[in-house]
C-alpha atoms as a PDB file:
ATOM      1  CA  UNK A   1     -98.300  79.734  37.432  1.00  0.00           C
ATOM      2  CA  UNK A   2    -101.103  81.380  39.369  1.00  0.00           C
ATOM      3  CA  UNK A   3    -103.205  81.923  36.231  1.00  0.00           C
ATOM      4  CA  UNK A   4    -103.697  79.990  33.005  1.00  0.00           C
ATOM      5  CA  UNK A   5    -104.739  81.103  29.531  1.00  0.00           C
ATOM      6  CA  UNK A   6    -108.183  79.629  30.051  1.00  0.00           C
ATOM      7  CA  UNK A   7    -108.776  82.291  32.715  1.00  0.00           C
ATOM      8  CA  UNK A   8    -108.985  84.738  29.823  1.00  0.00           C
ATOM      9  CA  UNK A   9    -111.402  82.553  27.825  1.00  0.00           C
ATOM     10  CA  UNK A  10    -109.040  82.330  24.851  1.00  0.00           C
ATOM     11  CA  UNK A  11    -110.791  79.231  23.539  1.00  0.00           C
ATOM     12  CA  UNK A  12    -114.245  80.786  23.598  1.00  0.00           C
ATOM     13  CA  UNK A  13    -115.764  82.382  20.537  1.00  0.00           C
ATOM     14  CA  UNK A  14    -117.151  85.375  22.440  1.00  0.00           C
ATOM     15  CA  UNK A  15    -115.066  87.392  24.832  1.00  0.00           C
ATOM     16  CA  UNK A  16    -116.463  88.736  28.053  1.00  0.00           C
ATOM     17  CA  UNK A  17    -115.321  91.836  29.877  1.00  0.00           C
ATOM     18  CA  UNK A  18    -112.110  91.070  31.733  1.00  0.00           C
ATOM     19  CA  UNK A  19    -110.821  88.511  29.230  1.00  0.00           C
ATOM     20  CA  UNK A  20    -107.646  88.997  27.248  1.00  0.00           C
ATOM     21  CA  UNK A  21    -106.867  87.755  23.781  1.00  0.00           C
ATOM     22  CA  UNK A  22    -104.667  90.370  22.142  1.00  0.00           C
ATOM     23  CA  UNK A  23    -102.161  92.943  23.347  1.00  0.00           C
ATOM     24  CA  UNK A  24    -101.188  96.145  21.551  1.00  0.00           C
ATOM     25  CA  UNK A  25     -97.721  97.630  22.048  1.00  0.00           C
ATOM     26  CA  UNK A  26     -97.006 101.181  20.946  1.00  0.00           C
ATOM     27  CA  UNK A  27     -93.294 101.665  20.326  1.00  0.00           C
ATOM     28  CA  UNK A  28     -91.212  98.559  19.671  1.00  0.00           C
ATOM     29  CA  UNK A  29     -87.657  99.506  20.504  1.00  0.00           C
ATOM     30  CA  UNK A  30     -85.453  97.310  22.673  1.00  0.00           C
ATOM     31  CA  UNK A  31     -87.867  97.258  25.614  1.00  0.00           C
ATOM     32  CA  UNK A  32     -90.955  96.946  23.428  1.00  0.00           C
ATOM     33  CA  UNK A  33     -89.398  93.943  21.718  1.00  0.00           C
ATOM     34  CA  UNK A  34     -88.608  92.289  25.034  1.00  0.00           C
ATOM     35  CA  UNK A  35     -92.202  92.811  26.158  1.00  0.00           C
ATOM     36  CA  UNK A  36     -93.556  91.488  22.838  1.00  0.00           C
ATOM     37  CA  UNK A  37     -91.328  88.421  23.167  1.00  0.00           C
ATOM     38  CA  UNK A  38     -92.454  87.484  26.671  1.00  0.00           C
ATOM     39  CA  UNK A  39     -96.149  88.103  25.895  1.00  0.00           C
ATOM     40  CA  UNK A  40     -96.096  86.110  22.646  1.00  0.00           C
ATOM     41  CA  UNK A  41     -94.115  83.304  24.301  1.00  0.00           C
ATOM     42  CA  UNK A  42     -97.030  82.889  26.699  1.00  0.00           C
ATOM     43  CA  UNK A  43     -99.544  82.422  23.906  1.00  0.00           C
ATOM     44  CA  UNK A  44    -101.022  85.884  23.371  1.00  0.00           C
ATOM     45  CA  UNK A  45    -101.333  87.682  20.047  1.00  0.00           C
ATOM     46  CA  UNK A  46     -99.341  90.927  19.858  1.00  0.00           C
ATOM     47  CA  UNK A  47     -99.705  93.847  17.457  1.00  0.00           C
ATOM     48  CA  UNK A  48     -97.169  96.636  17.737  1.00  0.00           C
ATOM     49  CA  UNK A  49     -97.428 100.132  16.288  1.00  0.00           C
ATOM     50  CA  UNK A  50     -94.316 101.902  15.076  1.00  0.00           C
ATOM     51  CA  UNK A  51     -93.419 104.933  12.978  1.00  0.00           C
ATOM     52  CA  UNK A  52     -92.827 103.445   9.497  1.00  0.00           C
ATOM     53  CA  UNK A  53     -92.772 100.269   7.431  1.00  0.00           C
ATOM     54  CA  UNK A  54     -88.969 100.516   7.391  1.00  0.00           C
ATOM     55  CA  UNK A  55     -88.929 100.559  11.177  1.00  0.00           C
ATOM     56  CA  UNK A  56     -91.266  97.560  11.310  1.00  0.00           C
ATOM     57  CA  UNK A  57     -88.839  95.630   9.099  1.00  0.00           C
ATOM     58  CA  UNK A  58     -85.988  96.614  11.422  1.00  0.00           C
ATOM     59  CA  UNK A  59     -87.971  95.437  14.450  1.00  0.00           C
ATOM     60  CA  UNK A  60     -88.435  91.949  13.001  1.00  0.00           C
ATOM     61  CA  UNK A  61     -84.745  91.762  12.088  1.00  0.00           C
ATOM     62  CA  UNK A  62     -83.842  92.743  15.652  1.00  0.00           C
ATOM     63  CA  UNK A  63     -86.339  90.251  17.093  1.00  0.00           C
ATOM     64  CA  UNK A  64     -84.876  87.503  14.913  1.00  0.00           C
ATOM     65  CA  UNK A  65     -81.373  88.334  16.099  1.00  0.00           C
ATOM     66  CA  UNK A  66     -82.297  88.464  19.784  1.00  0.00           C
ATOM     67  CA  UNK A  67     -84.225  85.181  19.590  1.00  0.00           C
ATOM     68  CA  UNK A  68     -81.293  83.535  17.785  1.00  0.00           C
ATOM     69  CA  UNK A  69     -79.078  84.606  20.700  1.00  0.00           C
ATOM     70  CA  UNK A  70     -81.461  82.809  23.073  1.00  0.00           C
ATOM     71  CA  UNK A  71     -81.374  79.721  20.827  1.00  0.00           C
ATOM     72  CA  UNK A  72     -77.558  79.772  20.869  1.00  0.00           C
ATOM     73  CA  UNK A  73     -77.689  79.646  24.674  1.00  0.00           C
ATOM     74  CA  UNK A  74     -80.077  76.661  24.564  1.00  0.00           C
ATOM     75  CA  UNK A  75     -82.917  78.761  25.930  1.00  0.00           C
ATOM     76  CA  UNK A  76     -85.258  78.291  22.987  1.00  0.00           C
ATOM     77  CA  UNK A  77     -85.855  75.937  20.070  1.00  0.00           C
ATOM     78  CA  UNK A  78     -86.203  76.936  16.419  1.00  0.00           C
ATOM     79  CA  UNK A  79     -89.861  75.845  16.398  1.00  0.00           C
ATOM     80  CA  UNK A  80     -90.552  77.908  19.537  1.00  0.00           C
ATOM     81  CA  UNK A  81     -88.961  80.922  17.837  1.00  0.00           C
ATOM     82  CA  UNK A  82     -91.250  80.467  14.810  1.00  0.00           C
ATOM     83  CA  UNK A  83     -94.294  80.248  17.090  1.00  0.00           C
ATOM     84  CA  UNK A  84     -93.303  83.420  18.959  1.00  0.00           C
ATOM     85  CA  UNK A  85     -92.795  85.396  15.741  1.00  0.00           C
ATOM     86  CA  UNK A  86     -96.040  84.082  14.231  1.00  0.00           C
ATOM     87  CA  UNK A  87     -98.010  85.780  17.024  1.00  0.00           C
ATOM     88  CA  UNK A  88     -96.305  89.190  16.595  1.00  0.00           C
ATOM     89  CA  UNK A  89     -97.559  91.625  13.963  1.00  0.00           C
ATOM     90  CA  UNK A  90     -96.411  95.149  13.105  1.00  0.00           C
ATOM     91  CA  UNK A  91     -98.360  98.124  11.791  1.00  0.00           C
ATOM     92  CA  UNK A  92     -98.236 101.900  11.390  1.00  0.00           C
ATOM     93  CA  UNK A  93    -102.021 102.173  11.782  1.00  0.00           C
ATOM     94  CA  UNK A  94    -103.587 102.660  15.209  1.00  0.00           C
ATOM     95  CA  UNK A  95    -106.782 101.139  13.839  1.00  0.00           C
ATOM     96  CA  UNK A  96    -105.073  97.735  13.830  1.00  0.00           C
ATOM     97  CA  UNK A  97    -105.004  97.700  17.652  1.00  0.00           C
ATOM     98  CA  UNK A  98    -108.730  98.457  17.986  1.00  0.00           C
ATOM     99  CA  UNK A  99    -109.509  94.866  19.030  1.00  0.00           C
ATOM    100  CA  UNK A 100    -106.791  94.705  21.697  1.00  0.00           C
ATOM    101  CA  UNK A 101    -107.837  94.226  25.310  1.00  0.00           C
ATOM    102  CA  UNK A 102    -104.650  95.753  26.691  1.00  0.00           C
ATOM    103  CA  UNK A 103    -102.453  98.526  25.316  1.00  0.00           C
ATOM    104  CA  UNK A 104     -98.861  98.980  26.509  1.00  0.00           C
ATOM    105  CA  UNK A 105     -97.123 102.233  25.577  1.00  0.00           C
ATOM    106  CA  UNK A 106     -93.384 101.561  25.377  1.00  0.00           C
ATOM    107  CA  UNK A 107     -91.811 104.307  23.293  1.00  0.00           C
ATOM    108  CA  UNK A 108     -88.115 105.117  23.460  1.00  0.00           C
ATOM    109  CA  UNK A 109     -87.965 108.810  22.623  1.00  0.00           C
ATOM    110  CA  UNK A 110     -84.506 110.152  21.813  1.00  0.00           C
ATOM    111  CA  UNK A 111     -85.596 113.771  22.145  1.00  0.00           C
ATOM    112  CA  UNK A 112     -84.072 115.833  24.934  1.00  0.00           C
ATOM    113  CA  UNK A 113     -86.243 116.445  27.975  1.00  0.00           C
ATOM    114  CA  UNK A 114     -89.344 114.657  29.167  1.00  0.00           C
ATOM    115  CA  UNK A 115     -91.507 112.676  26.738  1.00  0.00           C
ATOM    116  CA  UNK A 116     -94.733 113.391  28.634  1.00  0.00           C
ATOM    117  CA  UNK A 117     -96.491 115.216  25.767  1.00  0.00           C
ATOM    118  CA  UNK A 118     -95.579 112.480  23.269  1.00  0.00           C
ATOM    119  CA  UNK A 119     -96.966 109.825  25.595  1.00  0.00           C
ATOM    120  CA  UNK A 120    -100.135 111.825  26.237  1.00  0.00           C
ATOM    121  CA  UNK A 121    -100.712 111.994  22.492  1.00  0.00           C
ATOM    122  CA  UNK A 122    -100.261 108.221  22.260  1.00  0.00           C
ATOM    123  CA  UNK A 123    -102.817 107.710  25.035  1.00  0.00           C
ATOM    124  CA  UNK A 124    -105.311 109.917  23.139  1.00  0.00           C
ATOM    125  CA  UNK A 125    -104.774 108.060  19.863  1.00  0.00           C
ATOM    126  CA  UNK A 126    -105.117 104.674  21.561  1.00  0.00           C
ATOM    127  CA  UNK A 127    -108.330 105.589  23.364  1.00  0.00           C
ATOM    128  CA  UNK A 128    -109.832 106.853  20.103  1.00  0.00           C
ATOM    129  CA  UNK A 129    -109.723 103.369  18.540  1.00  0.00           C
ATOM    130  CA  UNK A 130    -110.131 100.851  21.384  1.00  0.00           C
ATOM    131  CA  UNK A 131    -113.265  99.714  23.206  1.00  0.00           C
ATOM    132  CA  UNK A 132    -114.467 101.369  26.399  1.00  0.00           C
ATOM    133  CA  UNK A 133    -113.147  98.595  28.655  1.00  0.00           C
ATOM    134  CA  UNK A 134    -109.669  98.249  27.111  1.00  0.00           C
ATOM    135  CA  UNK A 135    -106.899  98.951  29.618  1.00  0.00           C
ATOM    136  CA  UNK A 136    -104.302 101.513  28.528  1.00  0.00           C
ATOM    137  CA  UNK A 137    -100.950 101.204  30.286  1.00  0.00           C
ATOM    138  CA  UNK A 138     -97.462 102.661  30.095  1.00  0.00           C
ATOM    139  CA  UNK A 139     -94.122 100.998  30.668  1.00  0.00           C
ATOM    140  CA  UNK A 140     -92.623 104.288  31.852  1.00  0.00           C
ATOM    141  CA  UNK A 141     -91.180 104.367  35.347  1.00  0.00           C
ATOM    142  CA  UNK A 142     -90.085 108.001  35.721  1.00  0.00           C
ATOM    143  CA  UNK A 143     -93.292 109.759  34.629  1.00  0.00           C
ATOM    144  CA  UNK A 144     -96.555 109.926  36.560  1.00  0.00           C
ATOM    145  CA  UNK A 145     -99.369 107.734  35.239  1.00  0.00           C
ATOM    146  CA  UNK A 146    -102.015 110.170  36.557  1.00  0.00           C
ATOM    147  CA  UNK A 147    -100.625 112.906  34.324  1.00  0.00           C
ATOM    148  CA  UNK A 148    -100.802 110.619  31.285  1.00  0.00           C
ATOM    149  CA  UNK A 149    -104.332 109.550  32.263  1.00  0.00           C
ATOM    150  CA  UNK A 150    -105.521 113.141  32.517  1.00  0.00           C
ATOM    151  CA  UNK A 151    -105.994 113.327  28.715  1.00  0.00           C
ATOM    152  CA  UNK A 152    -108.308 110.295  28.603  1.00  0.00           C
ATOM    153  CA  UNK A 153    -112.098 110.351  28.580  1.00  0.00           C
ATOM    154  CA  UNK A 154    -111.899 107.317  30.876  1.00  0.00           C
ATOM    155  CA  UNK A 155    -108.807 107.951  33.027  1.00  0.00           C
ATOM    156  CA  UNK A 156    -109.746 105.088  35.337  1.00  0.00           C
ATOM    157  CA  UNK A 157    -108.539 102.654  32.631  1.00  0.00           C
ATOM    158  CA  UNK A 158    -104.918 103.919  32.862  1.00  0.00           C
ATOM    159  CA  UNK A 159    -102.325 101.990  34.863  1.00  0.00           C
ATOM    160  CA  UNK A 160     -98.557 101.729  35.072  1.00  0.00           C
ATOM    161  CA  UNK A 161     -97.201  98.378  33.873  1.00  0.00           C
ATOM    162  CA  UNK A 162     -93.429  98.462  34.195  1.00  0.00           C
ATOM    163  CA  UNK A 163     -91.382  95.520  32.939  1.00  0.00           C
ATOM    164  CA  UNK A 164     -87.719  95.387  33.914  1.00  0.00           C
ATOM    165  CA  UNK A 165     -85.059  94.463  31.368  1.00  0.00           C
ATOM    166  CA  UNK A 166     -84.500  91.743  30.308  1.00  0.00           C
ATOM    167  CA  UNK A 167     -88.252  91.143  30.471  1.00  0.00           C
ATOM    168  CA  UNK A 168     -87.902  87.461  29.548  1.00  0.00           C
ATOM    169  CA  UNK A 169     -85.859  86.641  32.659  1.00  0.00           C
ATOM    170  CA  UNK A 170     -86.598  89.304  35.299  1.00  0.00           C
ATOM    171  CA  UNK A 171     -89.370  87.852  37.425  1.00  0.00           C
ATOM    172  CA  UNK A 172     -91.047  91.030  38.655  1.00  0.00           C
ATOM    173  CA  UNK A 173     -93.430  93.551  37.123  1.00  0.00           C
ATOM    174  CA  UNK A 174     -94.219  96.844  38.839  1.00  0.00           C
ATOM    175  CA  UNK A 175     -97.929  97.708  38.664  1.00  0.00           C
ATOM    176  CA  UNK A 176     -98.608 101.346  39.451  1.00  0.00           C
ATOM    177  CA  UNK A 177    -101.920 102.708  40.700  1.00  0.00           C
ATOM    178  CA  UNK A 178    -102.535 106.318  39.690  1.00  0.00           C
ATOM    179  CA  UNK A 179    -104.960 108.837  41.132  1.00  0.00           C
ATOM    180  CA  UNK A 180    -107.750 107.700  38.781  1.00  0.00           C
ATOM    181  CA  UNK A 181    -106.887 104.018  38.321  1.00  0.00           C
ATOM    182  CA  UNK A 182    -109.794 101.665  38.996  1.00  0.00           C
ATOM    183  CA  UNK A 183    -109.584  98.433  40.931  1.00  0.00           C
ATOM    184  CA  UNK A 184    -110.765  96.694  37.767  1.00  0.00           C
ATOM    185  CA  UNK A 185    -107.714  97.952  35.865  1.00  0.00           C
ATOM    186  CA  UNK A 186    -105.368  96.878  38.657  1.00  0.00           C
ATOM    187  CA  UNK A 187    -106.973  93.434  38.873  1.00  0.00           C
ATOM    188  CA  UNK A 188    -106.839  93.011  35.080  1.00  0.00           C
ATOM    189  CA  UNK A 189    -103.124  93.757  34.684  1.00  0.00           C
ATOM    190  CA  UNK A 190    -102.303  91.796  37.844  1.00  0.00           C
ATOM    191  CA  UNK A 191    -103.933  88.662  36.437  1.00  0.00           C
ATOM    192  CA  UNK A 192    -102.210  89.290  33.113  1.00  0.00           C
ATOM    193  CA  UNK A 193     -98.770  89.651  34.737  1.00  0.00           C
ATOM    194  CA  UNK A 194     -99.273  86.451  36.705  1.00  0.00           C
ATOM    195  CA  UNK A 195    -100.166  84.646  33.494  1.00  0.00           C
ATOM    196  CA  UNK A 196     -96.701  85.645  32.278  1.00  0.00           C
ATOM    197  CA  UNK A 197     -95.310  83.984  35.429  1.00  0.00           C
ATOM    198  CA  UNK A 198     -94.319  87.329  36.939  1.00  0.00           C
ATOM    199  CA  UNK A 199     -94.249  88.382  40.578  1.00  0.00           C
ATOM    200  CA  UNK A 200     -96.397  91.496  40.905  1.00  0.00           C
ATOM    201  CA  UNK A 201     -95.042  94.455  42.856  1.00  0.00           C
ATOM    202  CA  UNK A 202     -97.993  96.804  43.356  1.00  0.00           C
ATOM    203  CA  UNK A 203     -97.233 100.376  44.341  1.00  0.00           C
ATOM    204  CA  UNK A 204     -98.657 103.866  44.493  1.00  0.00           C
ATOM    205  CA  UNK A 205     -97.252 106.155  41.809  1.00  0.00           C
ATOM    206  CA  UNK A 206     -93.975 107.893  42.548  1.00  0.00           C
ATOM    207  CA  UNK A 207     -91.366 109.000  40.011  1.00  0.00           C
ATOM    208  CA  UNK A 208     -88.943 106.134  39.429  1.00  0.00           C
ATOM    209  CA  UNK A 209     -91.167 103.547  41.124  1.00  0.00           C
ATOM    210  CA  UNK A 210     -88.875 101.339  43.221  1.00  0.00           C
ATOM    211  CA  UNK A 211     -86.630  99.838  40.567  1.00  0.00           C
ATOM    212  CA  UNK A 212     -85.503 102.886  38.580  1.00  0.00           C
ATOM    213  CA  UNK A 213     -85.179 105.167  41.589  1.00  0.00           C
ATOM    214  CA  UNK A 214     -82.765 102.768  43.266  1.00  0.00           C
ATOM    215  CA  UNK A 215     -80.795 101.564  40.228  1.00  0.00           C
ATOM    216  CA  UNK A 216     -79.914 105.056  38.954  1.00  0.00           C
ATOM    217  CA  UNK A 217     -78.511 106.073  42.337  1.00  0.00           C
ATOM    218  CA  UNK A 218     -76.453 102.867  42.397  1.00  0.00           C
ATOM    219  CA  UNK A 219     -75.170 103.562  38.869  1.00  0.00           C
ATOM    220  CA  UNK A 220     -74.245 107.118  39.839  1.00  0.00           C
ATOM    221  CA  UNK A 221     -72.396 105.930  42.945  1.00  0.00           C
ATOM    222  CA  UNK A 222     -70.536 103.291  40.907  1.00  0.00           C
ATOM    223  CA  UNK A 223     -69.417 106.111  38.588  1.00  0.00           C
ATOM    224  CA  UNK A 224     -68.193 108.127  41.572  1.00  0.00           C
ATOM    225  CA  UNK A 225     -66.171 105.108  42.715  1.00  0.00           C
ATOM    226  CA  UNK A 226     -64.699 104.832  39.231  1.00  0.00           C
ATOM    227  CA  UNK A 227     -63.831 108.549  39.065  1.00  0.00           C
ATOM    228  CA  UNK A 228     -62.072 108.407  42.442  1.00  0.00           C
ATOM    229  CA  UNK A 229     -59.774 105.642  41.181  1.00  0.00           C
ATOM    230  CA  UNK A 230     -60.926 103.158  43.808  1.00  0.00           C
ATOM    231  CA  UNK A 231     -61.111 100.269  41.303  1.00  0.00           C
ATOM    232  CA  UNK A 232     -61.675  99.606  37.574  1.00  0.00           C
ATOM    233  CA  UNK A 233     -65.164  99.013  36.201  1.00  0.00           C
ATOM    234  CA  UNK A 234     -64.870  95.234  36.160  1.00  0.00           C
ATOM    235  CA  UNK A 235     -64.006  95.076  39.872  1.00  0.00           C
ATOM    236  CA  UNK A 236     -66.805  97.487  40.775  1.00  0.00           C
ATOM    237  CA  UNK A 237     -69.266  95.264  38.927  1.00  0.00           C
ATOM    238  CA  UNK A 238     -67.838  92.012  40.254  1.00  0.00           C
ATOM    239  CA  UNK A 239     -68.172  93.270  43.828  1.00  0.00           C
ATOM    240  CA  UNK A 240     -71.869  93.964  43.378  1.00  0.00           C
ATOM    241  CA  UNK A 241     -72.574  90.886  41.257  1.00  0.00           C
ATOM    242  CA  UNK A 242     -70.735  88.304  43.339  1.00  0.00           C
ATOM    243  CA  UNK A 243     -70.974  90.040  46.697  1.00  0.00           C
ATOM    244  CA  UNK A 244     -74.656  90.948  46.570  1.00  0.00           C
ATOM    245  CA  UNK A 245     -76.083  88.494  44.040  1.00  0.00           C
ATOM    246  CA  UNK A 246     -76.935  91.046  41.358  1.00  0.00           C
ATOM    247  CA  UNK A 247     -77.596  89.678  37.877  1.00  0.00           C
ATOM    248  CA  UNK A 248     -75.358  92.417  36.430  1.00  0.00           C
ATOM    249  CA  UNK A 249     -73.093  94.960  38.072  1.00  0.00           C
ATOM    250  CA  UNK A 250     -74.308  98.587  37.973  1.00  0.00           C
ATOM    251  CA  UNK A 251     -71.977  99.682  35.145  1.00  0.00           C
ATOM    252  CA  UNK A 252     -72.758  96.697  32.942  1.00  0.00           C
ATOM    253  CA  UNK A 253     -76.431  97.226  33.755  1.00  0.00           C
ATOM    254  CA  UNK A 254     -76.134 100.845  32.578  1.00  0.00           C
ATOM    255  CA  UNK A 255     -74.619  99.630  29.306  1.00  0.00           C
ATOM    256  CA  UNK A 256     -77.441  97.141  28.826  1.00  0.00           C
ATOM    257  CA  UNK A 257     -80.122  99.745  29.533  1.00  0.00           C
ATOM    258  CA  UNK A 258     -78.413 102.294  27.294  1.00  0.00           C
ATOM    259  CA  UNK A 259     -76.689 105.352  28.727  1.00  0.00           C
ATOM    260  CA  UNK A 260     -79.018 107.644  26.780  1.00  0.00           C
ATOM    261  CA  UNK A 261     -81.995 106.095  28.598  1.00  0.00           C
ATOM    262  CA  UNK A 262     -80.212 106.221  31.943  1.00  0.00           C
ATOM    263  CA  UNK A 263     -79.583 109.950  31.443  1.00  0.00           C
ATOM    264  CA  UNK A 264     -83.251 110.567  30.600  1.00  0.00           C
ATOM    265  CA  UNK A 265     -84.336 108.649  33.692  1.00  0.00           C
ATOM    266  CA  UNK A 266     -81.943 110.664  35.860  1.00  0.00           C
ATOM    267  CA  UNK A 267     -83.006 113.972  34.313  1.00  0.00           C
ATOM    268  CA  UNK A 268     -86.686 113.159  34.925  1.00  0.00           C
ATOM    269  CA  UNK A 269     -86.025 112.191  38.542  1.00  0.00           C
ATOM    270  CA  UNK A 270     -83.863 115.247  39.149  1.00  0.00           C
ATOM    271  CA  UNK A 271     -86.637 117.420  37.719  1.00  0.00           C
ATOM    272  CA  UNK A 272     -89.177 115.780  40.037  1.00  0.00           C
ATOM    273  CA  UNK A 273     -87.150 115.620  43.257  1.00  0.00           C
ATOM    274  CA  UNK A 274     -84.435 118.272  42.826  1.00  0.00           C
ATOM    275  CA  UNK A 275     -82.008 115.943  44.616  1.00  0.00           C
ATOM    276  CA  UNK A 276     -78.368 116.054  43.369  1.00  0.00           C
ATOM    277  CA  UNK A 277     -78.065 112.277  43.747  1.00  0.00           C
ATOM    278  CA  UNK A 278     -80.138 111.985  40.553  1.00  0.00           C
ATOM    279  CA  UNK A 279     -77.941 114.269  38.425  1.00  0.00           C
ATOM    280  CA  UNK A 280     -76.137 112.201  35.760  1.00  0.00           C
ATOM    281  CA  UNK A 281     -72.469 111.619  36.585  1.00  0.00           C
ATOM    282  CA  UNK A 282     -70.031 113.374  34.188  1.00  0.00           C
ATOM    283  CA  UNK A 283     -68.682 110.008  32.964  1.00  0.00           C
ATOM    284  CA  UNK A 284     -72.122 108.949  31.740  1.00  0.00           C
ATOM    285  CA  UNK A 285     -72.686 112.255  29.948  1.00  0.00           C
ATOM    286  CA  UNK A 286     -69.220 112.162  28.363  1.00  0.00           C
ATOM    287  CA  UNK A 287     -69.757 108.665  26.991  1.00  0.00           C
ATOM    288  CA  UNK A 288     -73.236 109.491  25.678  1.00  0.00           C
ATOM    289  CA  UNK A 289     -72.004 112.628  23.912  1.00  0.00           C
ATOM    290  CA  UNK A 290     -69.428 110.502  22.112  1.00  0.00           C
ATOM    291  CA  UNK A 291     -72.147 108.105  20.976  1.00  0.00           C
ATOM    292  CA  UNK A 292     -70.901 105.375  23.306  1.00  0.00           C
ATOM    293  CA  UNK A 293     -74.232 104.509  24.900  1.00  0.00           C
ATOM    294  CA  UNK A 294     -73.566 100.896  25.745  1.00  0.00           C
ATOM    295  CA  UNK A 295     -74.042  97.409  24.421  1.00  0.00           C
ATOM    296  CA  UNK A 296     -76.153  98.399  21.401  1.00  0.00           C
ATOM    297  CA  UNK A 297     -73.398 100.681  20.000  1.00  0.00           C
ATOM    298  CA  UNK A 298     -70.476  98.417  20.891  1.00  0.00           C
ATOM    299  CA  UNK A 299     -69.055 100.724  23.557  1.00  0.00           C
ATOM    300  CA  UNK A 300     -70.061 102.230  26.875  1.00  0.00           C
ATOM    301  CA  UNK A 301     -68.349 101.479  30.158  1.00  0.00           C
ATOM    302  CA  UNK A 302     -67.190  98.333  28.341  1.00  0.00           C
ATOM    303  CA  UNK A 303     -66.306  97.441  24.759  1.00  0.00           C
ATOM    304  CA  UNK A 304     -68.493  94.829  23.063  1.00  0.00           C
ATOM    305  CA  UNK A 305     -68.316  92.424  20.152  1.00  0.00           C
ATOM    306  CA  UNK A 306     -71.448  90.518  19.122  1.00  0.00           C
ATOM    307  CA  UNK A 307     -73.054  91.607  22.381  1.00  0.00           C
ATOM    308  CA  UNK A 308     -70.274  90.201  24.605  1.00  0.00           C
ATOM    309  CA  UNK A 309     -67.827  92.216  26.691  1.00  0.00           C
ATOM    310  CA  UNK A 310     -64.299  92.201  25.257  1.00  0.00           C
ATOM    311  CA  UNK A 311     -62.692  94.826  27.492  1.00  0.00           C
ATOM    312  CA  UNK A 312     -63.167  98.036  29.423  1.00  0.00           C
ATOM    313  CA  UNK A 313     -63.813 101.330  27.700  1.00  0.00           C
ATOM    314  CA  UNK A 314     -63.494 103.636  30.715  1.00  0.00           C
ATOM    315  CA  UNK A 315     -60.541 103.487  33.078  1.00  0.00           C
ATOM    316  CA  UNK A 316     -60.229 105.268  36.386  1.00  0.00           C
ATOM    317  CA  UNK A 317     -57.052 107.300  37.073  1.00  0.00           C
ATOM    318  CA  UNK A 318     -55.229 104.689  39.131  1.00  0.00           C
ATOM    319  CA  UNK A 319     -55.677 101.900  36.562  1.00  0.00           C
ATOM    320  CA  UNK A 320     -54.785 103.480  33.219  1.00  0.00           C
END
């Protein structure tokens, strides 16, 4: 790794500006949990803020389940799981993240339309409790970090910090420089990402960054191929996975992301660019309306049992 924990003076009693001891995560859905996992695994304390005590209980149940899945694949030991969970704490009170050196907003809003106003409100609430040199970041990829930063008294502290799913295995992190973002903020999150053994992709803000902008167009085109009856979903995915070395094919990837999230990403990009290639394919919208949003509901493009694919859910005309 390019950095070590000592670079953040974790063993010292007093922290200096630029050191990192504790990370606050606001919103601990699927992506927030993945981020919490990878941060805690690397030795940092994590406090996440969520909407209720009931939701906090659910988060720890979901974390337990996901970590058990890693254990079952020999990717983690029971003692390592206990250590990871011991460094993660949940709260409904923003005051509990006041001593964090880095804040990561990672909400998963299910409301229709853009979540920009919700995220702005989160940025305001976070800034009200943290110190003047705490970095406030967002994991969003389809909204502009400069717009989120505009509500801050110190907008130079805002930066995009986009983890790709699954955060524990994907080696890159997109770091996004907004109009106001300081070099200090960029340097801080860059060193942090490298401590997590991530390859940093630094870019200037643009809706969708690199990753989301390209993956949604690939998902849409895979849906077009499916609708035309060229091949069933499994063969579409196998072609991209085995032919181009993708970790998952585009349709399985959509299921893993969640079709509801994919639709929101596409809607945001279509609103920004006005390009028809970002309009959600009818198959995706049909599945989402039926509540079949992917792996987490047991059905999407594929059918699932205990998180594993057991068959196809959507069939193109030629392969019914």
